[in-house]
């Protein structure tokens, strides 16, 4: 009989802000070193989403930068990203 436990696996997560754990990726973007501060919302995303779900990629746009250095957590502003 299949498990009735809900899956905690998703392919993609799309949010406005990034989880606190992705700040290093944002800071590597041009002009952002030291300008990104964690807050209640980013801490909540880290604790209640990032640490509870398994995911392939996470996209967020609050920081208005494009940075493709990280395959897993990616700030995006106006890039086009193909997903499968």
PDB file of N, CA and C in Angstrom:
ATOM      1  N   UNK A   1       0.839  -1.178   0.000  1.00  0.00           N
ATOM      2  CA  UNK A   1       0.000   0.000   0.000  1.00  0.00           C
ATOM      3  C   UNK A   1       0.884   1.242   0.000  1.00  0.00           C
ATOM      4  N   UNK A   2       0.564   2.236  -0.840  1.00  0.00           N
ATOM      5  CA  UNK A   2       1.386   3.447  -0.890  1.00  0.00           C
ATOM      6  C   UNK A   2       1.307   4.242   0.412  1.00  0.00           C
ATOM      7  N   UNK A   3       2.361   4.955   0.691  1.00  0.00           N
ATOM      8  CA  UNK A   3       2.404   5.786   1.892  1.00  0.00           C
ATOM      9  C   UNK A   3       1.400   6.928   1.779  1.00  0.00           C
ATOM     10  N   UNK A   4       0.769   7.253   2.881  1.00  0.00           N
ATOM     11  CA  UNK A   4      -0.163   8.379   2.910  1.00  0.00           C
ATOM     12  C   UNK A   4       0.500   9.648   3.416  1.00  0.00           C
ATOM     13  N   UNK A   5       1.788   9.565   3.697  1.00  0.00           N
ATOM     14  CA  UNK A   5       2.530  10.740   4.145  1.00  0.00           C
ATOM     15  C   UNK A   5       2.753  11.669   2.958  1.00  0.00           C
ATOM     16  N   UNK A   6       2.401  12.952   3.103  1.00  0.00           N
ATOM     17  CA  UNK A   6       2.612  13.870   1.976  1.00  0.00           C
ATOM     18  C   UNK A   6       4.095  14.004   1.629  1.00  0.00           C
ATOM     19  N   UNK A   7       4.362  14.171   0.363  1.00  0.00           N
ATOM     20  CA  UNK A   7       5.736  14.337  -0.106  1.00  0.00           C
ATOM     21  C   UNK A   7       6.269  15.700   0.306  1.00  0.00           C
ATOM     22  N   UNK A   8       7.518  15.737   0.625  1.00  0.00           N
ATOM     23  CA  UNK A   8       8.178  17.005   0.939  1.00  0.00           C
ATOM     24  C   UNK A   8       9.172  17.349  -0.165  1.00  0.00           C
ATOM     25  N   UNK A   9       8.911  16.845  -1.356  1.00  0.00           N
ATOM     26  CA  UNK A   9       9.796  17.046  -2.504  1.00  0.00           C
ATOM     27  C   UNK A   9       9.075  17.853  -3.559  1.00  0.00           C
ATOM     28  N   UNK A  10       9.718  18.944  -4.012  1.00  0.00           N
ATOM     29  CA  UNK A  10       9.186  19.768  -5.093  1.00  0.00           C
ATOM     30  C   UNK A  10      10.306  20.036  -6.092  1.00  0.00           C
ATOM     31  N   UNK A  11       9.924  20.360  -7.295  1.00  0.00           N
ATOM     32  CA  UNK A  11      10.934  20.690  -8.298  1.00  0.00           C
ATOM     33  C   UNK A  11      11.424  22.125  -8.132  1.00  0.00           C
ATOM     34  N   UNK A  12      10.480  23.077  -8.018  1.00  0.00           N
ATOM     35  CA  UNK A  12      10.835  24.500  -8.003  1.00  0.00           C
ATOM     36  C   UNK A  12      10.117  25.227  -6.881  1.00  0.00           C
ATOM     37  N   UNK A  13      10.801  26.226  -6.350  1.00  0.00           N
ATOM     38  CA  UNK A  13      10.211  27.152  -5.390  1.00  0.00           C
ATOM     39  C   UNK A  13      10.393  28.543  -5.964  1.00  0.00           C
ATOM     40  N   UNK A  14       9.338  29.340  -5.964  1.00  0.00           N
ATOM     41  CA  UNK A  14       9.374  30.729  -6.420  1.00  0.00           C
ATOM     42  C   UNK A  14       8.894  31.612  -5.280  1.00  0.00           C
ATOM     43  N   UNK A  15       9.749  32.520  -4.827  1.00  0.00           N
ATOM     44  CA  UNK A  15       9.363  33.446  -3.774  1.00  0.00           C
ATOM     45  C   UNK A  15       9.896  34.832  -4.106  1.00  0.00           C
ATOM     46  N   UNK A  16       9.387  35.803  -3.383  1.00  0.00           N
ATOM     47  CA  UNK A  16       9.873  37.164  -3.575  1.00  0.00           C
ATOM     48  C   UNK A  16      11.292  37.300  -3.008  1.00  0.00           C
ATOM     49  N   UNK A  17      11.466  36.936  -1.757  1.00  0.00           N
ATOM     50  CA  UNK A  17      12.772  37.043  -1.098  1.00  0.00           C
ATOM     51  C   UNK A  17      13.455  35.684  -1.072  1.00  0.00           C
ATOM     52  N   UNK A  18      14.695  35.695  -0.643  1.00  0.00           N
ATOM     53  CA  UNK A  18      15.487  34.463  -0.554  1.00  0.00           C
ATOM     54  C   UNK A  18      15.492  33.959   0.875  1.00  0.00           C
ATOM     55  N   UNK A  19      15.699  32.664   1.053  1.00  0.00           N
ATOM     56  CA  UNK A  19      15.937  32.180   2.415  1.00  0.00           C
ATOM     57  C   UNK A  19      17.311  32.676   2.870  1.00  0.00           C
ATOM     58  N   UNK A  20      17.488  32.798   4.159  1.00  0.00           N
ATOM     59  CA  UNK A  20      18.756  33.298   4.701  1.00  0.00           C
ATOM     60  C   UNK A  20      19.952  32.512   4.173  1.00  0.00           C
ATOM     61  N   UNK A  21      19.788  31.219   3.965  1.00  0.00           N
ATOM     62  CA  UNK A  21      20.880  30.383   3.483  1.00  0.00           C
ATOM     63  C   UNK A  21      21.350  30.707   2.078  1.00  0.00           C
ATOM     64  N   UNK A  22      20.586  31.484   1.321  1.00  0.00           N
ATOM     65  CA  UNK A  22      20.966  31.830  -0.053  1.00  0.00           C
ATOM     66  C   UNK A  22      21.619  33.206  -0.148  1.00  0.00           C
ATOM     67  N   UNK A  23      21.835  33.877   0.958  1.00  0.00           N
ATOM     68  CA  UNK A  23      22.392  35.232   0.906  1.00  0.00           C
ATOM     69  C   UNK A  23      23.776  35.293   0.289  1.00  0.00           C
ATOM     70  N   UNK A  24      24.560  34.256   0.456  1.00  0.00           N
ATOM     71  CA  UNK A  24      25.904  34.244  -0.149  1.00  0.00           C
ATOM     72  C   UNK A  24      25.803  34.387  -1.669  1.00  0.00           C
ATOM     73  N   UNK A  25      24.823  33.730  -2.267  1.00  0.00           N
ATOM     74  CA  UNK A  25      24.617  33.829  -3.716  1.00  0.00           C
ATOM     75  C   UNK A  25      24.258  35.248  -4.115  1.00  0.00           C
ATOM     76  N   UNK A  26      23.407  35.905  -3.339  1.00  0.00           N
ATOM     77  CA  UNK A  26      23.008  37.286  -3.642  1.00  0.00           C
ATOM     78  C   UNK A  26      24.204  38.214  -3.483  1.00  0.00           C
ATOM     79  N   UNK A  27      24.971  38.043  -2.420  1.00  0.00           N
ATOM     80  CA  UNK A  27      26.112  38.921  -2.178  1.00  0.00           C
ATOM     81  C   UNK A  27      27.191  38.791  -3.242  1.00  0.00           C
ATOM     82  N   UNK A  28      27.249  37.689  -3.944  1.00  0.00           N
ATOM     83  CA  UNK A  28      28.226  37.516  -5.016  1.00  0.00           C
ATOM     84  C   UNK A  28      27.834  38.307  -6.261  1.00  0.00           C
ATOM     85  N   UNK A  29      26.608  38.792  -6.305  1.00  0.00           N
ATOM     86  CA  UNK A  29      26.153  39.587  -7.440  1.00  0.00           C
ATOM     87  C   UNK A  29      26.795  40.964  -7.377  1.00  0.00           C
ATOM     88  N   UNK A  30      26.968  41.589  -8.526  1.00  0.00           N
ATOM     89  CA  UNK A  30      27.620  42.898  -8.596  1.00  0.00           C
ATOM     90  C   UNK A  30      26.973  43.913  -7.664  1.00  0.00           C
ATOM     91  N   UNK A  31      27.779  44.541  -6.817  1.00  0.00           N
ATOM     92  CA  UNK A  31      27.325  45.640  -5.982  1.00  0.00           C
ATOM     93  C   UNK A  31      26.556  45.254  -4.734  1.00  0.00           C
ATOM     94  N   UNK A  32      26.478  43.988  -4.382  1.00  0.00           N
ATOM     95  CA  UNK A  32      25.668  43.589  -3.241  1.00  0.00           C
ATOM     96  C   UNK A  32      26.467  43.162  -2.021  1.00  0.00           C
ATOM     97  N   UNK A  33      27.769  43.101  -2.094  1.00  0.00           N
ATOM     98  CA  UNK A  33      28.558  42.616  -0.974  1.00  0.00           C
ATOM     99  C   UNK A  33      28.262  43.446   0.280  1.00  0.00           C
ATOM    100  N   UNK A  34      27.773  42.780   1.318  1.00  0.00           N
ATOM    101  CA  UNK A  34      27.494  43.449   2.586  1.00  0.00           C
ATOM    102  C   UNK A  34      26.218  44.252   2.630  1.00  0.00           C
ATOM    103  N   UNK A  35      25.440  44.285   1.560  1.00  0.00           N
ATOM    104  CA  UNK A  35      24.224  45.106   1.529  1.00  0.00           C
ATOM    105  C   UNK A  35      22.957  44.307   1.785  1.00  0.00           C
ATOM    106  N   UNK A  36      23.071  43.008   1.931  1.00  0.00           N
ATOM    107  CA  UNK A  36      21.894  42.176   2.131  1.00  0.00           C
ATOM    108  C   UNK A  36      21.837  41.760   3.589  1.00  0.00           C
ATOM    109  N   UNK A  37      20.740  42.082   4.242  1.00  0.00           N
ATOM    110  CA  UNK A  37      20.575  41.759   5.652  1.00  0.00           C
ATOM    111  C   UNK A  37      19.428  40.782   5.835  1.00  0.00           C
ATOM    112  N   UNK A  38      19.618  39.749   6.648  1.00  0.00           N
ATOM    113  CA  UNK A  38      18.504  38.852   6.948  1.00  0.00           C
ATOM    114  C   UNK A  38      17.446  39.584   7.761  1.00  0.00           C
ATOM    115  N   UNK A  39      16.208  39.129   7.635  1.00  0.00           N
ATOM    116  CA  UNK A  39      15.118  39.687   8.426  1.00  0.00           C
ATOM    117  C   UNK A  39      14.183  38.552   8.825  1.00  0.00           C
ATOM    118  N   UNK A  40      13.061  38.888   9.431  1.00  0.00           N
ATOM    119  CA  UNK A  40      12.122  37.854   9.902  1.00  0.00           C
ATOM    120  C   UNK A  40      11.628  36.971   8.763  1.00  0.00           C
ATOM    121  N   UNK A  41      11.352  37.570   7.618  1.00  0.00           N
ATOM    122  CA  UNK A  41      10.803  36.807   6.500  1.00  0.00           C
ATOM    123  C   UNK A  41      11.838  35.842   5.920  1.00  0.00           C
ATOM    124  N   UNK A  42      13.073  36.298   5.742  1.00  0.00           N
ATOM    125  CA  UNK A  42      14.101  35.407   5.189  1.00  0.00           C
ATOM    126  C   UNK A  42      14.424  34.279   6.164  1.00  0.00           C
ATOM    127  N   UNK A  43      14.393  34.582   7.466  1.00  0.00           N
ATOM    128  CA  UNK A  43      14.606  33.545   8.477  1.00  0.00           C
ATOM    129  C   UNK A  43      13.454  32.535   8.456  1.00  0.00           C
ATOM    130  N   UNK A  44      12.228  33.017   8.269  1.00  0.00           N
ATOM    131  CA  UNK A  44      11.063  32.133   8.179  1.00  0.00           C
ATOM    132  C   UNK A  44      11.183  31.218   6.957  1.00  0.00           C
ATOM    133  N   UNK A  45      11.579  31.786   5.819  1.00  0.00           N
ATOM    134  CA  UNK A  45      11.761  30.964   4.615  1.00  0.00           C
ATOM    135  C   UNK A  45      12.808  29.876   4.847  1.00  0.00           C
ATOM    136  N   UNK A  46      13.875  30.224   5.533  1.00  0.00           N
ATOM    137  CA  UNK A  46      14.922  29.245   5.808  1.00  0.00           C
ATOM    138  C   UNK A  46      14.398  28.120   6.695  1.00  0.00           C
ATOM    139  N   UNK A  47      13.738  28.503   7.799  1.00  0.00           N
ATOM    140  CA  UNK A  47      13.305  27.515   8.786  1.00  0.00           C
ATOM    141  C   UNK A  47      12.119  26.677   8.310  1.00  0.00           C
ATOM    142  N   UNK A  48      11.138  27.306   7.684  1.00  0.00           N
ATOM    143  CA  UNK A  48       9.886  26.614   7.379  1.00  0.00           C
ATOM    144  C   UNK A  48       9.780  26.098   5.946  1.00  0.00           C
ATOM    145  N   UNK A  49      10.663  26.549   5.083  1.00  0.00           N
ATOM    146  CA  UNK A  49      10.614  26.073   3.702  1.00  0.00           C
ATOM    147  C   UNK A  49      11.907  25.350   3.336  1.00  0.00           C
ATOM    148  N   UNK A  50      13.031  26.055   3.372  1.00  0.00           N
ATOM    149  CA  UNK A  50      14.309  25.479   2.925  1.00  0.00           C
ATOM    150  C   UNK A  50      14.703  24.239   3.728  1.00  0.00           C
ATOM    151  N   UNK A  51      14.462  24.264   5.027  1.00  0.00           N
ATOM    152  CA  UNK A  51      14.890  23.141   5.860  1.00  0.00           C
ATOM    153  C   UNK A  51      13.863  22.013   5.911  1.00  0.00           C
ATOM    154  N   UNK A  52      12.681  22.226   5.347  1.00  0.00           N
ATOM    155  CA  UNK A  52      11.644  21.196   5.395  1.00  0.00           C
ATOM    156  C   UNK A  52      11.363  20.543   4.047  1.00  0.00           C
ATOM    157  N   UNK A  53      11.745  21.203   2.978  1.00  0.00           N
ATOM    158  CA  UNK A  53      11.463  20.662   1.653  1.00  0.00           C
ATOM    159  C   UNK A  53      12.750  20.242   0.952  1.00  0.00           C
ATOM    160  N   UNK A  54      12.634  19.251   0.115  1.00  0.00           N
ATOM    161  CA  UNK A  54      13.697  18.920  -0.824  1.00  0.00           C
ATOM    162  C   UNK A  54      13.295  19.574  -2.138  1.00  0.00           C
ATOM    163  N   UNK A  55      14.214  20.290  -2.757  1.00  0.00           N
ATOM    164  CA  UNK A  55      13.875  20.996  -3.988  1.00  0.00           C
ATOM    165  C   UNK A  55      15.051  20.993  -4.950  1.00  0.00           C
ATOM    166  N   UNK A  56      14.730  21.122  -6.224  1.00  0.00           N
ATOM    167  CA  UNK A  56      15.762  21.197  -7.258  1.00  0.00           C
ATOM    168  C   UNK A  56      16.314  22.609  -7.385  1.00  0.00           C
ATOM    169  N   UNK A  57      15.408  23.600  -7.517  1.00  0.00           N
ATOM    170  CA  UNK A  57      15.843  24.985  -7.722  1.00  0.00           C
ATOM    171  C   UNK A  57      14.903  25.944  -7.014  1.00  0.00           C
ATOM    172  N   UNK A  58      15.463  27.047  -6.561  1.00  0.00           N
ATOM    173  CA  UNK A  58      14.685  28.091  -5.889  1.00  0.00           C
ATOM    174  C   UNK A  58      15.007  29.402  -6.595  1.00  0.00           C
ATOM    175  N   UNK A  59      13.975  30.084  -7.060  1.00  0.00           N
ATOM    176  CA  UNK A  59      14.120  31.380  -7.728  1.00  0.00           C
ATOM    177  C   UNK A  59      13.496  32.467  -6.864  1.00  0.00           C
ATOM    178  N   UNK A  60      14.147  33.630  -6.811  1.00  0.00           N
ATOM    179  CA  UNK A  60      13.623  34.762  -6.048  1.00  0.00           C
ATOM    180  C   UNK A  60      14.037  36.057  -6.743  1.00  0.00           C
ATOM    181  N   UNK A  61      13.253  37.122  -6.574  1.00  0.00           N
ATOM    182  CA  UNK A  61      13.498  38.325  -7.348  1.00  0.00           C
ATOM    183  C   UNK A  61      13.653  39.620  -6.583  1.00  0.00           C
ATOM    184  N   UNK A  62      13.492  39.609  -5.283  1.00  0.00           N
ATOM    185  CA  UNK A  62      13.495  40.834  -4.476  1.00  0.00           C
ATOM    186  C   UNK A  62      14.726  41.715  -4.679  1.00  0.00           C
ATOM    187  N   UNK A  63      15.860  41.117  -4.960  1.00  0.00           N
ATOM    188  CA  UNK A  63      17.123  41.858  -4.963  1.00  0.00           C
ATOM    189  C   UNK A  63      17.449  42.496  -6.312  1.00  0.00           C
ATOM    190  N   UNK A  64      16.601  42.287  -7.302  1.00  0.00           N
ATOM    191  CA  UNK A  64      16.730  42.924  -8.625  1.00  0.00           C
ATOM    192  C   UNK A  64      18.098  42.709  -9.259  1.00  0.00           C
ATOM    193  N   UNK A  65      18.583  41.471  -9.193  1.00  0.00           N
ATOM    194  CA  UNK A  65      19.839  41.092  -9.850  1.00  0.00           C
ATOM    195  C   UNK A  65      19.641  39.745 -10.528  1.00  0.00           C
ATOM    196  N   UNK A  66      20.481  39.483 -11.505  1.00  0.00           N
ATOM    197  CA  UNK A  66      20.566  38.157 -12.117  1.00  0.00           C
ATOM    198  C   UNK A  66      21.889  37.558 -11.688  1.00  0.00           C
ATOM    199  N   UNK A  67      21.869  36.320 -11.256  1.00  0.00           N
ATOM    200  CA  UNK A  67      23.107  35.653 -10.883  1.00  0.00           C
ATOM    201  C   UNK A  67      22.914  34.169 -11.132  1.00  0.00           C
ATOM    202  N   UNK A  68      23.624  33.652 -12.101  1.00  0.00           N
ATOM    203  CA  UNK A  68      23.483  32.240 -12.442  1.00  0.00           C
ATOM    204  C   UNK A  68      24.613  31.398 -11.864  1.00  0.00           C
ATOM    205  N   UNK A  69      25.377  31.954 -10.908  1.00  0.00           N
ATOM    206  CA  UNK A  69      26.492  31.215 -10.316  1.00  0.00           C
ATOM    207  C   UNK A  69      26.030  30.002  -9.520  1.00  0.00           C
ATOM    208  N   UNK A  70      24.858  30.098  -8.944  1.00  0.00           N
ATOM    209  CA  UNK A  70      24.339  28.988  -8.151  1.00  0.00           C
ATOM    210  C   UNK A  70      23.249  28.273  -8.928  1.00  0.00           C
ATOM    211  N   UNK A  71      23.369  26.988  -9.051  1.00  0.00           N
ATOM    212  CA  UNK A  71      22.344  26.206  -9.750  1.00  0.00           C
ATOM    213  C   UNK A  71      21.130  25.956  -8.871  1.00  0.00           C
ATOM    214  N   UNK A  72      21.294  26.001  -7.568  1.00  0.00           N
ATOM    215  CA  UNK A  72      20.199  25.621  -6.677  1.00  0.00           C
ATOM    216  C   UNK A  72      19.337  26.811  -6.248  1.00  0.00           C
ATOM    217  N   UNK A  73      19.923  27.895  -5.773  1.00  0.00           N
ATOM    218  CA  UNK A  73      19.193  29.092  -5.350  1.00  0.00           C
ATOM    219  C   UNK A  73      19.655  30.245  -6.225  1.00  0.00           C
ATOM    220  N   UNK A  74      18.713  30.830  -6.952  1.00  0.00           N
ATOM    221  CA  UNK A  74      19.121  31.793  -7.963  1.00  0.00           C
ATOM    222  C   UNK A  74      18.300  33.081  -7.909  1.00  0.00           C
ATOM    223  N   UNK A  75      18.984  34.233  -7.666  1.00  0.00           N
ATOM    224  CA  UNK A  75      18.291  35.504  -7.813  1.00  0.00           C
ATOM    225  C   UNK A  75      18.064  35.775  -9.296  1.00  0.00           C
ATOM    226  N   UNK A  76      16.904  36.293  -9.597  1.00  0.00           N
ATOM    227  CA  UNK A  76      16.573  36.513 -11.003  1.00  0.00           C
ATOM    228  C   UNK A  76      15.775  37.801 -11.129  1.00  0.00           C
ATOM    229  N   UNK A  77      16.127  38.603 -12.122  1.00  0.00           N
ATOM    230  CA  UNK A  77      15.390  39.834 -12.365  1.00  0.00           C
ATOM    231  C   UNK A  77      14.733  39.777 -13.736  1.00  0.00           C
ATOM    232  N   UNK A  78      15.551  39.690 -14.777  1.00  0.00           N
ATOM    233  CA  UNK A  78      14.976  39.697 -16.119  1.00  0.00           C
ATOM    234  C   UNK A  78      15.558  38.612 -17.022  1.00  0.00           C
ATOM    235  N   UNK A  79      16.277  37.674 -16.443  1.00  0.00           N
ATOM    236  CA  UNK A  79      16.749  36.520 -17.216  1.00  0.00           C
ATOM    237  C   UNK A  79      15.557  35.634 -17.576  1.00  0.00           C
ATOM    238  N   UNK A  80      15.731  34.878 -18.605  1.00  0.00           N
ATOM    239  CA  UNK A  80      14.768  33.865 -18.963  1.00  0.00           C
ATOM    240  C   UNK A  80      15.392  32.521 -18.606  1.00  0.00           C
ATOM    241  N   UNK A  81      14.716  31.755 -17.797  1.00  0.00           N
ATOM    242  CA  UNK A  81      15.225  30.470 -17.339  1.00  0.00           C
ATOM    243  C   UNK A  81      14.277  29.391 -17.849  1.00  0.00           C
ATOM    244  N   UNK A  82      14.822  28.453 -18.572  1.00  0.00           N
ATOM    245  CA  UNK A  82      14.012  27.347 -19.062  1.00  0.00           C
ATOM    246  C   UNK A  82      13.999  26.246 -18.012  1.00  0.00           C
ATOM    247  N   UNK A  83      12.815  25.783 -17.681  1.00  0.00           N
ATOM    248  CA  UNK A  83      12.664  24.709 -16.711  1.00  0.00           C
ATOM    249  C   UNK A  83      12.022  23.519 -17.406  1.00  0.00           C
ATOM    250  N   UNK A  84      12.337  22.334 -16.939  1.00  0.00           N
ATOM    251  CA  UNK A  84      11.773  21.118 -17.517  1.00  0.00           C
ATOM    252  C   UNK A  84      11.113  20.305 -16.446  1.00  0.00           C
TER     253      UNK A  84
END
